[in-house]
């Protein structure tokens, strides 16, 4: 027979949902941080939270988020890709300069496909150098980035060119009142999450991230996964560059430069540590991209210059590097 005291004891042992924010998933933490920023921003600058402002922010958020997914995958494999700006700028030139103002759909699609292939190929070359020549990722991607900027200036002759109008009409358009760029982001993010979560390829990718030695012991080809990761990252940067080219109409030669630091900052804001992510969240990185995009709009609305945005991104990246190291040292002190 159960007494009242025993019944009360049993009910007290029923696990309650944790109220500690540190126990929340990365995506939930990123969402909470973003919601707080939007709340504070709405009070400080109400113009940043009206429907027109949000709609104008969404395309830039989508472009940054797609590029950040590529950076996320590289960081998850214990790398760091600083060729983001070069790939995006060069691909932007490929899809604007090379079509030479053509209105032929087949010509435009050919150069869009070429741009995607170029991004993936550059990423694969980076992966080969890092994997087989053992050149550190930081050094390799800085070198690749410099080469690509040189090629960008050579092909473009330093002048920006207007994107094909059919590409502009597509990326500045809306579907169900939502910018097309956001639908592209949802497609890219959805496919990425599905592959990582529900496919053998994705599970092996995660295994390589968590424990490379154990993954190698069971026969998972580590080198192949590293090369594929850089290739997919290059593809993501190329997709983002094409979106940016269509939305901006006439992208500048250095249009990819803001994304060099921005993609890394988005990964960090999402709660994903630099230097290898064992349980990273692509969704958290996407939310981190929105955080940064809204932050840029808020900084502008408050009257600060673009340097304040760059400074904020730099502080976020430095914090992502320094805080885990400080935490590790304190644990082992």
C-alpha atoms as a PDB file:
ATOM      1  CA  UNK A   1       0.000   0.000   0.000  1.00  0.00           C
ATOM      2  CA  UNK A   2       1.453   3.372  -1.043  1.00  0.00           C
ATOM      3  CA  UNK A   3       1.412   6.045   1.652  1.00  0.00           C
ATOM      4  CA  UNK A   4       0.892   9.717   0.948  1.00  0.00           C
ATOM      5  CA  UNK A   5       4.559  10.418   1.730  1.00  0.00           C
ATOM      6  CA  UNK A   6       5.724   7.709  -0.693  1.00  0.00           C
ATOM      7  CA  UNK A   7       3.417   9.048  -3.415  1.00  0.00           C
ATOM      8  CA  UNK A   8       4.741  12.549  -2.900  1.00  0.00           C
ATOM      9  CA  UNK A   9       8.332  11.293  -3.112  1.00  0.00           C
ATOM     10  CA  UNK A  10       7.615   9.500  -6.383  1.00  0.00           C
ATOM     11  CA  UNK A  11       6.062  12.574  -7.931  1.00  0.00           C
ATOM     12  CA  UNK A  12       9.034  14.693  -6.917  1.00  0.00           C
ATOM     13  CA  UNK A  13      11.325  12.327  -8.796  1.00  0.00           C
ATOM     14  CA  UNK A  14       9.544  12.815 -12.110  1.00  0.00           C
ATOM     15  CA  UNK A  15      12.099  14.611 -14.351  1.00  0.00           C
ATOM     16  CA  UNK A  16      11.115  18.161 -15.122  1.00  0.00           C
ATOM     17  CA  UNK A  17      12.344  19.970 -18.228  1.00  0.00           C
ATOM     18  CA  UNK A  18      15.614  21.690 -17.466  1.00  0.00           C
ATOM     19  CA  UNK A  19      15.408  25.442 -17.018  1.00  0.00           C
ATOM     20  CA  UNK A  20      19.129  25.868 -17.508  1.00  0.00           C
ATOM     21  CA  UNK A  21      19.794  27.561 -20.861  1.00  0.00           C
ATOM     22  CA  UNK A  22      23.043  25.618 -21.165  1.00  0.00           C
ATOM     23  CA  UNK A  23      20.994  22.434 -21.599  1.00  0.00           C
ATOM     24  CA  UNK A  24      19.095  23.777 -24.600  1.00  0.00           C
ATOM     25  CA  UNK A  25      19.977  22.623 -28.126  1.00  0.00           C
ATOM     26  CA  UNK A  26      22.292  24.930 -30.069  1.00  0.00           C
ATOM     27  CA  UNK A  27      19.485  26.048 -32.377  1.00  0.00           C
ATOM     28  CA  UNK A  28      17.313  27.002 -29.392  1.00  0.00           C
ATOM     29  CA  UNK A  29      20.160  28.977 -27.798  1.00  0.00           C
ATOM     30  CA  UNK A  30      20.783  30.832 -31.049  1.00  0.00           C
ATOM     31  CA  UNK A  31      17.061  31.549 -31.378  1.00  0.00           C
ATOM     32  CA  UNK A  32      16.878  32.927 -27.810  1.00  0.00           C
ATOM     33  CA  UNK A  33      19.888  35.175 -28.417  1.00  0.00           C
ATOM     34  CA  UNK A  34      18.410  36.408 -31.703  1.00  0.00           C
ATOM     35  CA  UNK A  35      15.003  37.026 -30.144  1.00  0.00           C
ATOM     36  CA  UNK A  36      16.623  39.091 -27.382  1.00  0.00           C
ATOM     37  CA  UNK A  37      18.559  41.109 -29.947  1.00  0.00           C
ATOM     38  CA  UNK A  38      15.410  41.798 -31.975  1.00  0.00           C
ATOM     39  CA  UNK A  39      13.549  42.768 -28.786  1.00  0.00           C
ATOM     40  CA  UNK A  40      16.269  45.209 -27.729  1.00  0.00           C
ATOM     41  CA  UNK A  41      16.626  46.468 -31.300  1.00  0.00           C
ATOM     42  CA  UNK A  42      12.896  47.009 -31.602  1.00  0.00           C
ATOM     43  CA  UNK A  43      12.988  49.215 -28.526  1.00  0.00           C
ATOM     44  CA  UNK A  44      16.136  51.118 -29.544  1.00  0.00           C
ATOM     45  CA  UNK A  45      15.188  51.473 -33.216  1.00  0.00           C
ATOM     46  CA  UNK A  46      11.530  50.586 -33.909  1.00  0.00           C
ATOM     47  CA  UNK A  47      12.020  51.071 -37.657  1.00  0.00           C
ATOM     48  CA  UNK A  48      14.114  47.869 -37.770  1.00  0.00           C
ATOM     49  CA  UNK A  49      11.210  45.584 -36.850  1.00  0.00           C
ATOM     50  CA  UNK A  50       8.485  46.758 -39.216  1.00  0.00           C
ATOM     51  CA  UNK A  51       7.460  44.491 -42.071  1.00  0.00           C
ATOM     52  CA  UNK A  52       9.246  46.501 -44.764  1.00  0.00           C
ATOM     53  CA  UNK A  53      12.539  46.429 -42.869  1.00  0.00           C
ATOM     54  CA  UNK A  54      12.313  42.701 -42.197  1.00  0.00           C
ATOM     55  CA  UNK A  55      11.491  41.920 -45.838  1.00  0.00           C
ATOM     56  CA  UNK A  56      14.450  44.003 -46.992  1.00  0.00           C
ATOM     57  CA  UNK A  57      16.693  42.105 -44.565  1.00  0.00           C
ATOM     58  CA  UNK A  58      15.646  38.602 -45.578  1.00  0.00           C
ATOM     59  CA  UNK A  59      17.513  38.401 -48.934  1.00  0.00           C
ATOM     60  CA  UNK A  60      20.822  39.397 -47.328  1.00  0.00           C
ATOM     61  CA  UNK A  61      20.186  36.970 -44.496  1.00  0.00           C
ATOM     62  CA  UNK A  62      19.515  34.140 -46.953  1.00  0.00           C
ATOM     63  CA  UNK A  63      22.716  34.817 -48.912  1.00  0.00           C
ATOM     64  CA  UNK A  64      24.837  34.927 -45.762  1.00  0.00           C
ATOM     65  CA  UNK A  65      23.159  31.794 -44.388  1.00  0.00           C
ATOM     66  CA  UNK A  66      23.857  29.724 -47.534  1.00  0.00           C
ATOM     67  CA  UNK A  67      27.534  30.719 -47.498  1.00  0.00           C
ATOM     68  CA  UNK A  68      27.701  30.080 -43.738  1.00  0.00           C
ATOM     69  CA  UNK A  69      26.451  26.509 -44.179  1.00  0.00           C
ATOM     70  CA  UNK A  70      29.518  25.845 -46.319  1.00  0.00           C
ATOM     71  CA  UNK A  71      31.783  27.353 -43.673  1.00  0.00           C
ATOM     72  CA  UNK A  72      29.976  25.336 -41.007  1.00  0.00           C
ATOM     73  CA  UNK A  73      30.762  22.046 -42.753  1.00  0.00           C
ATOM     74  CA  UNK A  74      34.451  22.930 -43.087  1.00  0.00           C
ATOM     75  CA  UNK A  75      34.735  23.971 -39.437  1.00  0.00           C
ATOM     76  CA  UNK A  76      32.911  20.803 -38.421  1.00  0.00           C
ATOM     77  CA  UNK A  77      35.741  18.879 -40.109  1.00  0.00           C
ATOM     78  CA  UNK A  78      38.295  20.787 -38.005  1.00  0.00           C
ATOM     79  CA  UNK A  79      39.175  23.200 -40.803  1.00  0.00           C
ATOM     80  CA  UNK A  80      38.714  26.881 -41.575  1.00  0.00           C
ATOM     81  CA  UNK A  81      37.970  28.289 -45.017  1.00  0.00           C
ATOM     82  CA  UNK A  82      39.225  31.791 -45.786  1.00  0.00           C
ATOM     83  CA  UNK A  83      38.655  31.457 -49.526  1.00  0.00           C
ATOM     84  CA  UNK A  84      34.972  32.371 -49.168  1.00  0.00           C
ATOM     85  CA  UNK A  85      35.421  35.924 -50.432  1.00  0.00           C
ATOM     86  CA  UNK A  86      37.543  34.899 -53.416  1.00  0.00           C
ATOM     87  CA  UNK A  87      35.183  32.149 -54.558  1.00  0.00           C
ATOM     88  CA  UNK A  88      32.104  34.360 -54.238  1.00  0.00           C
ATOM     89  CA  UNK A  89      33.698  37.287 -56.061  1.00  0.00           C
ATOM     90  CA  UNK A  90      35.050  35.103 -58.890  1.00  0.00           C
ATOM     91  CA  UNK A  91      31.781  33.223 -59.372  1.00  0.00           C
ATOM     92  CA  UNK A  92      29.927  36.551 -59.433  1.00  0.00           C
ATOM     93  CA  UNK A  93      32.149  37.607 -62.333  1.00  0.00           C
ATOM     94  CA  UNK A  94      31.554  34.287 -64.112  1.00  0.00           C
ATOM     95  CA  UNK A  95      27.764  34.739 -64.077  1.00  0.00           C
ATOM     96  CA  UNK A  96      27.768  38.471 -64.900  1.00  0.00           C
ATOM     97  CA  UNK A  97      30.750  39.216 -67.155  1.00  0.00           C
ATOM     98  CA  UNK A  98      30.906  36.042 -69.229  1.00  0.00           C
ATOM     99  CA  UNK A  99      27.253  35.959 -70.426  1.00  0.00           C
ATOM    100  CA  UNK A 100      27.991  39.380 -71.971  1.00  0.00           C
ATOM    101  CA  UNK A 101      24.451  40.667 -71.549  1.00  0.00           C
ATOM    102  CA  UNK A 102      22.848  37.656 -73.230  1.00  0.00           C
ATOM    103  CA  UNK A 103      19.078  37.256 -72.975  1.00  0.00           C
ATOM    104  CA  UNK A 104      19.198  33.613 -74.068  1.00  0.00           C
ATOM    105  CA  UNK A 105      17.999  31.377 -71.235  1.00  0.00           C
ATOM    106  CA  UNK A 106      20.315  28.547 -72.283  1.00  0.00           C
ATOM    107  CA  UNK A 107      23.360  30.832 -72.214  1.00  0.00           C
ATOM    108  CA  UNK A 108      22.479  32.200 -68.770  1.00  0.00           C
ATOM    109  CA  UNK A 109      21.839  28.722 -67.364  1.00  0.00           C
ATOM    110  CA  UNK A 110      25.118  27.497 -68.857  1.00  0.00           C
ATOM    111  CA  UNK A 111      27.123  30.151 -67.011  1.00  0.00           C
ATOM    112  CA  UNK A 112      25.151  29.613 -63.806  1.00  0.00           C
ATOM    113  CA  UNK A 113      26.027  25.908 -64.010  1.00  0.00           C
ATOM    114  CA  UNK A 114      29.621  26.884 -64.828  1.00  0.00           C
ATOM    115  CA  UNK A 115      29.737  29.104 -61.748  1.00  0.00           C
ATOM    116  CA  UNK A 116      28.484  26.271 -59.543  1.00  0.00           C
ATOM    117  CA  UNK A 117      31.044  23.885 -61.053  1.00  0.00           C
ATOM    118  CA  UNK A 118      33.845  26.421 -60.590  1.00  0.00           C
ATOM    119  CA  UNK A 119      32.981  26.859 -56.909  1.00  0.00           C
ATOM    120  CA  UNK A 120      32.912  23.117 -56.283  1.00  0.00           C
ATOM    121  CA  UNK A 121      36.136  22.574 -58.263  1.00  0.00           C
ATOM    122  CA  UNK A 122      38.002  25.271 -56.325  1.00  0.00           C
ATOM    123  CA  UNK A 123      36.808  23.720 -53.073  1.00  0.00           C
ATOM    124  CA  UNK A 124      37.971  20.280 -54.214  1.00  0.00           C
ATOM    125  CA  UNK A 125      41.409  21.672 -55.142  1.00  0.00           C
ATOM    126  CA  UNK A 126      41.635  23.233 -51.688  1.00  0.00           C
ATOM    127  CA  UNK A 127      40.700  19.912 -50.106  1.00  0.00           C
ATOM    128  CA  UNK A 128      43.338  18.060 -52.156  1.00  0.00           C
ATOM    129  CA  UNK A 129      46.068  20.493 -51.097  1.00  0.00           C
ATOM    130  CA  UNK A 130      45.077  20.302 -47.430  1.00  0.00           C
ATOM    131  CA  UNK A 131      44.684  16.518 -47.475  1.00  0.00           C
ATOM    132  CA  UNK A 132      47.568  15.281 -49.603  1.00  0.00           C
ATOM    133  CA  UNK A 133      50.152  18.061 -49.340  1.00  0.00           C
ATOM    134  CA  UNK A 134      49.468  18.604 -45.613  1.00  0.00           C
ATOM    135  CA  UNK A 135      49.406  22.379 -46.018  1.00  0.00           C
ATOM    136  CA  UNK A 136      47.400  23.895 -43.125  1.00  0.00           C
ATOM    137  CA  UNK A 137      43.879  24.892 -44.132  1.00  0.00           C
ATOM    138  CA  UNK A 138      44.464  28.467 -42.988  1.00  0.00           C
ATOM    139  CA  UNK A 139      47.509  28.881 -45.248  1.00  0.00           C
ATOM    140  CA  UNK A 140      45.915  27.060 -48.192  1.00  0.00           C
ATOM    141  CA  UNK A 141      42.680  29.025 -48.195  1.00  0.00           C
ATOM    142  CA  UNK A 142      44.453  32.371 -47.795  1.00  0.00           C
ATOM    143  CA  UNK A 143      46.565  31.526 -50.837  1.00  0.00           C
ATOM    144  CA  UNK A 144      43.558  30.330 -52.858  1.00  0.00           C
ATOM    145  CA  UNK A 145      41.685  33.477 -51.896  1.00  0.00           C
ATOM    146  CA  UNK A 146      44.517  35.707 -53.151  1.00  0.00           C
ATOM    147  CA  UNK A 147      44.735  33.813 -56.460  1.00  0.00           C
ATOM    148  CA  UNK A 148      40.984  34.087 -56.980  1.00  0.00           C
ATOM    149  CA  UNK A 149      40.961  37.830 -56.384  1.00  0.00           C
ATOM    150  CA  UNK A 150      43.696  38.141 -58.988  1.00  0.00           C
ATOM    151  CA  UNK A 151      41.647  36.108 -61.462  1.00  0.00           C
ATOM    152  CA  UNK A 152      38.575  38.170 -60.625  1.00  0.00           C
ATOM    153  CA  UNK A 153      40.343  41.415 -61.502  1.00  0.00           C
ATOM    154  CA  UNK A 154      41.814  39.864 -64.653  1.00  0.00           C
ATOM    155  CA  UNK A 155      38.492  38.563 -65.997  1.00  0.00           C
ATOM    156  CA  UNK A 156      36.426  41.583 -64.977  1.00  0.00           C
ATOM    157  CA  UNK A 157      39.105  44.206 -65.807  1.00  0.00           C
ATOM    158  CA  UNK A 158      38.140  45.762 -62.481  1.00  0.00           C
ATOM    159  CA  UNK A 159      34.666  46.881 -63.542  1.00  0.00           C
ATOM    160  CA  UNK A 160      31.323  45.588 -62.312  1.00  0.00           C
ATOM    161  CA  UNK A 161      28.872  44.249 -64.888  1.00  0.00           C
ATOM    162  CA  UNK A 162      25.095  44.005 -64.708  1.00  0.00           C
ATOM    163  CA  UNK A 163      23.670  40.544 -64.165  1.00  0.00           C
ATOM    164  CA  UNK A 164      21.438  38.998 -66.859  1.00  0.00           C
ATOM    165  CA  UNK A 165      17.945  40.414 -66.386  1.00  0.00           C
ATOM    166  CA  UNK A 166      16.287  37.006 -66.162  1.00  0.00           C
ATOM    167  CA  UNK A 167      18.575  36.193 -63.221  1.00  0.00           C
ATOM    168  CA  UNK A 168      17.773  39.550 -61.624  1.00  0.00           C
ATOM    169  CA  UNK A 169      14.039  39.051 -62.064  1.00  0.00           C
ATOM    170  CA  UNK A 170      14.283  35.634 -60.440  1.00  0.00           C
ATOM    171  CA  UNK A 171      16.256  36.596 -57.346  1.00  0.00           C
ATOM    172  CA  UNK A 172      14.502  39.881 -56.616  1.00  0.00           C
ATOM    173  CA  UNK A 173      11.114  38.185 -56.941  1.00  0.00           C
ATOM    174  CA  UNK A 174       8.856  36.730 -54.271  1.00  0.00           C
ATOM    175  CA  UNK A 175       6.880  33.534 -53.983  1.00  0.00           C
ATOM    176  CA  UNK A 176       3.967  33.464 -51.515  1.00  0.00           C
ATOM    177  CA  UNK A 177       5.094  36.915 -50.340  1.00  0.00           C
ATOM    178  CA  UNK A 178       8.492  35.507 -49.311  1.00  0.00           C
ATOM    179  CA  UNK A 179      11.701  36.478 -51.195  1.00  0.00           C
ATOM    180  CA  UNK A 180      12.918  33.780 -53.582  1.00  0.00           C
ATOM    181  CA  UNK A 181      16.343  33.895 -51.914  1.00  0.00           C
ATOM    182  CA  UNK A 182      14.760  32.613 -48.696  1.00  0.00           C
ATOM    183  CA  UNK A 183      13.207  29.683 -50.564  1.00  0.00           C
ATOM    184  CA  UNK A 184      16.632  28.862 -51.986  1.00  0.00           C
ATOM    185  CA  UNK A 185      18.055  28.949 -48.453  1.00  0.00           C
ATOM    186  CA  UNK A 186      15.315  26.639 -47.157  1.00  0.00           C
ATOM    187  CA  UNK A 187      16.061  24.192 -49.962  1.00  0.00           C
ATOM    188  CA  UNK A 188      19.819  24.238 -49.335  1.00  0.00           C
ATOM    189  CA  UNK A 189      19.476  24.013 -45.551  1.00  0.00           C
ATOM    190  CA  UNK A 190      16.791  21.321 -45.766  1.00  0.00           C
ATOM    191  CA  UNK A 191      18.870  19.120 -48.069  1.00  0.00           C
ATOM    192  CA  UNK A 192      21.948  19.596 -45.864  1.00  0.00           C
ATOM    193  CA  UNK A 193      20.113  18.696 -42.658  1.00  0.00           C
ATOM    194  CA  UNK A 194      18.434  15.706 -44.320  1.00  0.00           C
ATOM    195  CA  UNK A 195      21.724  14.321 -45.632  1.00  0.00           C
ATOM    196  CA  UNK A 196      23.530  14.798 -42.312  1.00  0.00           C
ATOM    197  CA  UNK A 197      20.683  13.281 -40.283  1.00  0.00           C
ATOM    198  CA  UNK A 198      19.132  10.514 -42.348  1.00  0.00           C
ATOM    199  CA  UNK A 199      21.734   9.198 -44.779  1.00  0.00           C
ATOM    200  CA  UNK A 200      24.743   6.920 -44.414  1.00  0.00           C
ATOM    201  CA  UNK A 201      26.927   9.599 -45.967  1.00  0.00           C
ATOM    202  CA  UNK A 202      25.811  12.082 -43.331  1.00  0.00           C
ATOM    203  CA  UNK A 203      26.255   9.670 -40.434  1.00  0.00           C
ATOM    204  CA  UNK A 204      29.766   8.838 -41.603  1.00  0.00           C
ATOM    205  CA  UNK A 205      30.489  12.560 -41.934  1.00  0.00           C
ATOM    206  CA  UNK A 206      29.446  13.060 -38.304  1.00  0.00           C
ATOM    207  CA  UNK A 207      31.525  10.043 -37.245  1.00  0.00           C
ATOM    208  CA  UNK A 208      34.600  11.590 -38.858  1.00  0.00           C
ATOM    209  CA  UNK A 209      33.922  14.820 -36.938  1.00  0.00           C
ATOM    210  CA  UNK A 210      33.407  13.121 -33.584  1.00  0.00           C
ATOM    211  CA  UNK A 211      36.319  10.674 -33.665  1.00  0.00           C
ATOM    212  CA  UNK A 212      38.500  10.535 -36.787  1.00  0.00           C
ATOM    213  CA  UNK A 213      40.632   7.684 -35.413  1.00  0.00           C
ATOM    214  CA  UNK A 214      37.624   5.476 -34.712  1.00  0.00           C
ATOM    215  CA  UNK A 215      36.081   6.361 -38.077  1.00  0.00           C
ATOM    216  CA  UNK A 216      39.309   5.367 -39.835  1.00  0.00           C
ATOM    217  CA  UNK A 217      39.411   2.108 -37.868  1.00  0.00           C
ATOM    218  CA  UNK A 218      36.005   1.071 -39.221  1.00  0.00           C
ATOM    219  CA  UNK A 219      36.995   1.868 -42.785  1.00  0.00           C
ATOM    220  CA  UNK A 220      35.552   5.332 -43.355  1.00  0.00           C
ATOM    221  CA  UNK A 221      37.755   7.164 -45.926  1.00  0.00           C
ATOM    222  CA  UNK A 222      38.802  10.272 -44.006  1.00  0.00           C
ATOM    223  CA  UNK A 223      40.635  11.895 -46.912  1.00  0.00           C
ATOM    224  CA  UNK A 224      37.698  11.526 -49.259  1.00  0.00           C
ATOM    225  CA  UNK A 225      35.361  13.127 -46.733  1.00  0.00           C
ATOM    226  CA  UNK A 226      37.721  16.045 -46.202  1.00  0.00           C
ATOM    227  CA  UNK A 227      37.974  16.724 -49.944  1.00  0.00           C
ATOM    228  CA  UNK A 228      34.212  16.374 -50.422  1.00  0.00           C
ATOM    229  CA  UNK A 229      33.622  18.781 -47.536  1.00  0.00           C
ATOM    230  CA  UNK A 230      35.701  21.529 -49.143  1.00  0.00           C
ATOM    231  CA  UNK A 231      34.039  20.858 -52.510  1.00  0.00           C
ATOM    232  CA  UNK A 232      30.559  21.184 -51.008  1.00  0.00           C
ATOM    233  CA  UNK A 233      31.631  24.350 -49.191  1.00  0.00           C
ATOM    234  CA  UNK A 234      32.830  25.803 -52.499  1.00  0.00           C
ATOM    235  CA  UNK A 235      29.477  24.888 -54.024  1.00  0.00           C
ATOM    236  CA  UNK A 236      27.664  26.689 -51.195  1.00  0.00           C
ATOM    237  CA  UNK A 237      29.758  29.825 -51.732  1.00  0.00           C
ATOM    238  CA  UNK A 238      28.974  29.659 -55.453  1.00  0.00           C
ATOM    239  CA  UNK A 239      25.223  29.400 -54.783  1.00  0.00           C
ATOM    240  CA  UNK A 240      25.454  32.388 -52.438  1.00  0.00           C
ATOM    241  CA  UNK A 241      27.426  34.343 -55.067  1.00  0.00           C
ATOM    242  CA  UNK A 242      24.801  33.692 -57.742  1.00  0.00           C
ATOM    243  CA  UNK A 243      22.037  34.763 -55.359  1.00  0.00           C
ATOM    244  CA  UNK A 244      24.003  37.905 -54.494  1.00  0.00           C
ATOM    245  CA  UNK A 245      24.679  38.710 -58.161  1.00  0.00           C
ATOM    246  CA  UNK A 246      21.017  38.447 -59.054  1.00  0.00           C
ATOM    247  CA  UNK A 247      19.815  40.459 -56.080  1.00  0.00           C
ATOM    248  CA  UNK A 248      22.379  43.269 -56.325  1.00  0.00           C
ATOM    249  CA  UNK A 249      21.950  43.533 -60.128  1.00  0.00           C
ATOM    250  CA  UNK A 250      25.512  44.891 -60.557  1.00  0.00           C
ATOM    251  CA  UNK A 251      27.769  43.257 -57.949  1.00  0.00           C
ATOM    252  CA  UNK A 252      31.136  44.852 -57.330  1.00  0.00           C
ATOM    253  CA  UNK A 253      34.421  43.058 -57.942  1.00  0.00           C
ATOM    254  CA  UNK A 254      34.861  42.686 -54.176  1.00  0.00           C
ATOM    255  CA  UNK A 255      31.251  41.661 -53.462  1.00  0.00           C
ATOM    256  CA  UNK A 256      32.362  38.532 -51.601  1.00  0.00           C
ATOM    257  CA  UNK A 257      34.644  40.327 -49.151  1.00  0.00           C
ATOM    258  CA  UNK A 258      32.049  40.939 -46.367  1.00  0.00           C
ATOM    259  CA  UNK A 259      31.361  37.202 -46.260  1.00  0.00           C
ATOM    260  CA  UNK A 260      34.922  36.258 -45.300  1.00  0.00           C
ATOM    261  CA  UNK A 261      34.401  37.165 -41.650  1.00  0.00           C
ATOM    262  CA  UNK A 262      30.606  37.023 -41.689  1.00  0.00           C
ATOM    263  CA  UNK A 263      30.361  33.292 -42.377  1.00  0.00           C
ATOM    264  CA  UNK A 264      32.728  32.456 -39.522  1.00  0.00           C
ATOM    265  CA  UNK A 265      30.840  34.796 -37.186  1.00  0.00           C
ATOM    266  CA  UNK A 266      27.528  33.134 -38.107  1.00  0.00           C
ATOM    267  CA  UNK A 267      28.920  29.731 -37.148  1.00  0.00           C
ATOM    268  CA  UNK A 268      30.141  31.122 -33.821  1.00  0.00           C
ATOM    269  CA  UNK A 269      26.876  32.960 -33.045  1.00  0.00           C
ATOM    270  CA  UNK A 270      25.112  29.649 -33.634  1.00  0.00           C
ATOM    271  CA  UNK A 271      27.053  28.257 -30.672  1.00  0.00           C
ATOM    272  CA  UNK A 272      29.285  26.069 -32.823  1.00  0.00           C
ATOM    273  CA  UNK A 273      32.876  26.163 -31.519  1.00  0.00           C
ATOM    274  CA  UNK A 274      35.769  26.720 -33.880  1.00  0.00           C
ATOM    275  CA  UNK A 275      38.355  23.978 -34.276  1.00  0.00           C
ATOM    276  CA  UNK A 276      35.993  21.051 -34.751  1.00  0.00           C
ATOM    277  CA  UNK A 277      32.263  20.641 -34.078  1.00  0.00           C
ATOM    278  CA  UNK A 278      31.242  17.250 -32.749  1.00  0.00           C
ATOM    279  CA  UNK A 279      27.563  18.093 -32.383  1.00  0.00           C
ATOM    280  CA  UNK A 280      27.167  21.125 -34.586  1.00  0.00           C
ATOM    281  CA  UNK A 281      23.834  22.463 -35.751  1.00  0.00           C
ATOM    282  CA  UNK A 282      23.267  23.746 -39.282  1.00  0.00           C
ATOM    283  CA  UNK A 283      19.992  25.300 -38.112  1.00  0.00           C
ATOM    284  CA  UNK A 284      21.868  27.180 -35.378  1.00  0.00           C
ATOM    285  CA  UNK A 285      24.279  28.547 -37.975  1.00  0.00           C
ATOM    286  CA  UNK A 286      21.339  29.733 -40.098  1.00  0.00           C
ATOM    287  CA  UNK A 287      19.840  31.482 -37.066  1.00  0.00           C
ATOM    288  CA  UNK A 288      23.272  32.986 -36.385  1.00  0.00           C
ATOM    289  CA  UNK A 289      23.248  34.416 -39.914  1.00  0.00           C
ATOM    290  CA  UNK A 290      19.938  36.154 -39.198  1.00  0.00           C
ATOM    291  CA  UNK A 291      21.384  37.490 -35.928  1.00  0.00           C
ATOM    292  CA  UNK A 292      24.279  39.088 -37.809  1.00  0.00           C
ATOM    293  CA  UNK A 293      22.089  40.447 -40.596  1.00  0.00           C
ATOM    294  CA  UNK A 294      19.698  42.087 -38.158  1.00  0.00           C
ATOM    295  CA  UNK A 295      22.650  43.381 -36.127  1.00  0.00           C
ATOM    296  CA  UNK A 296      24.006  45.083 -39.257  1.00  0.00           C
ATOM    297  CA  UNK A 297      20.633  46.711 -39.889  1.00  0.00           C
ATOM    298  CA  UNK A 298      20.382  47.814 -36.262  1.00  0.00           C
ATOM    299  CA  UNK A 299      23.875  49.317 -36.299  1.00  0.00           C
ATOM    300  CA  UNK A 300      22.968  51.297 -39.418  1.00  0.00           C
ATOM    301  CA  UNK A 301      19.655  52.461 -37.948  1.00  0.00           C
ATOM    302  CA  UNK A 302      21.428  53.708 -34.819  1.00  0.00           C
ATOM    303  CA  UNK A 303      23.751  55.847 -36.919  1.00  0.00           C
ATOM    304  CA  UNK A 304      26.955  53.840 -36.618  1.00  0.00           C
ATOM    305  CA  UNK A 305      29.142  53.216 -39.649  1.00  0.00           C
ATOM    306  CA  UNK A 306      30.011  49.928 -41.317  1.00  0.00           C
ATOM    307  CA  UNK A 307      33.159  49.750 -39.206  1.00  0.00           C
ATOM    308  CA  UNK A 308      30.999  49.049 -36.144  1.00  0.00           C
ATOM    309  CA  UNK A 309      29.528  46.009 -37.884  1.00  0.00           C
ATOM    310  CA  UNK A 310      32.997  44.736 -38.808  1.00  0.00           C
ATOM    311  CA  UNK A 311      34.140  45.307 -35.238  1.00  0.00           C
ATOM    312  CA  UNK A 312      31.175  43.336 -33.886  1.00  0.00           C
ATOM    313  CA  UNK A 313      31.928  40.438 -36.255  1.00  0.00           C
ATOM    314  CA  UNK A 314      35.582  40.470 -35.200  1.00  0.00           C
ATOM    315  CA  UNK A 315      34.672  40.418 -31.500  1.00  0.00           C
ATOM    316  CA  UNK A 316      32.292  37.502 -32.105  1.00  0.00           C
ATOM    317  CA  UNK A 317      34.956  35.484 -33.929  1.00  0.00           C
ATOM    318  CA  UNK A 318      37.624  36.236 -31.325  1.00  0.00           C
ATOM    319  CA  UNK A 319      35.217  35.256 -28.564  1.00  0.00           C
ATOM    320  CA  UNK A 320      34.497  31.990 -30.355  1.00  0.00           C
ATOM    321  CA  UNK A 321      38.213  31.202 -30.295  1.00  0.00           C
ATOM    322  CA  UNK A 322      39.109  32.584 -26.869  1.00  0.00           C
ATOM    323  CA  UNK A 323      36.191  31.503 -24.656  1.00  0.00           C
ATOM    324  CA  UNK A 324      36.482  27.721 -25.272  1.00  0.00           C
ATOM    325  CA  UNK A 325      40.233  27.923 -24.624  1.00  0.00           C
ATOM    326  CA  UNK A 326      39.706  29.927 -21.423  1.00  0.00           C
ATOM    327  CA  UNK A 327      37.061  27.417 -20.299  1.00  0.00           C
ATOM    328  CA  UNK A 328      39.418  24.511 -21.027  1.00  0.00           C
ATOM    329  CA  UNK A 329      42.253  26.092 -19.042  1.00  0.00           C
ATOM    330  CA  UNK A 330      39.974  26.791 -16.086  1.00  0.00           C
ATOM    331  CA  UNK A 331      38.785  23.162 -16.030  1.00  0.00           C
ATOM    332  CA  UNK A 332      42.367  21.897 -15.966  1.00  0.00           C
ATOM    333  CA  UNK A 333      43.688  24.526 -13.572  1.00  0.00           C
END
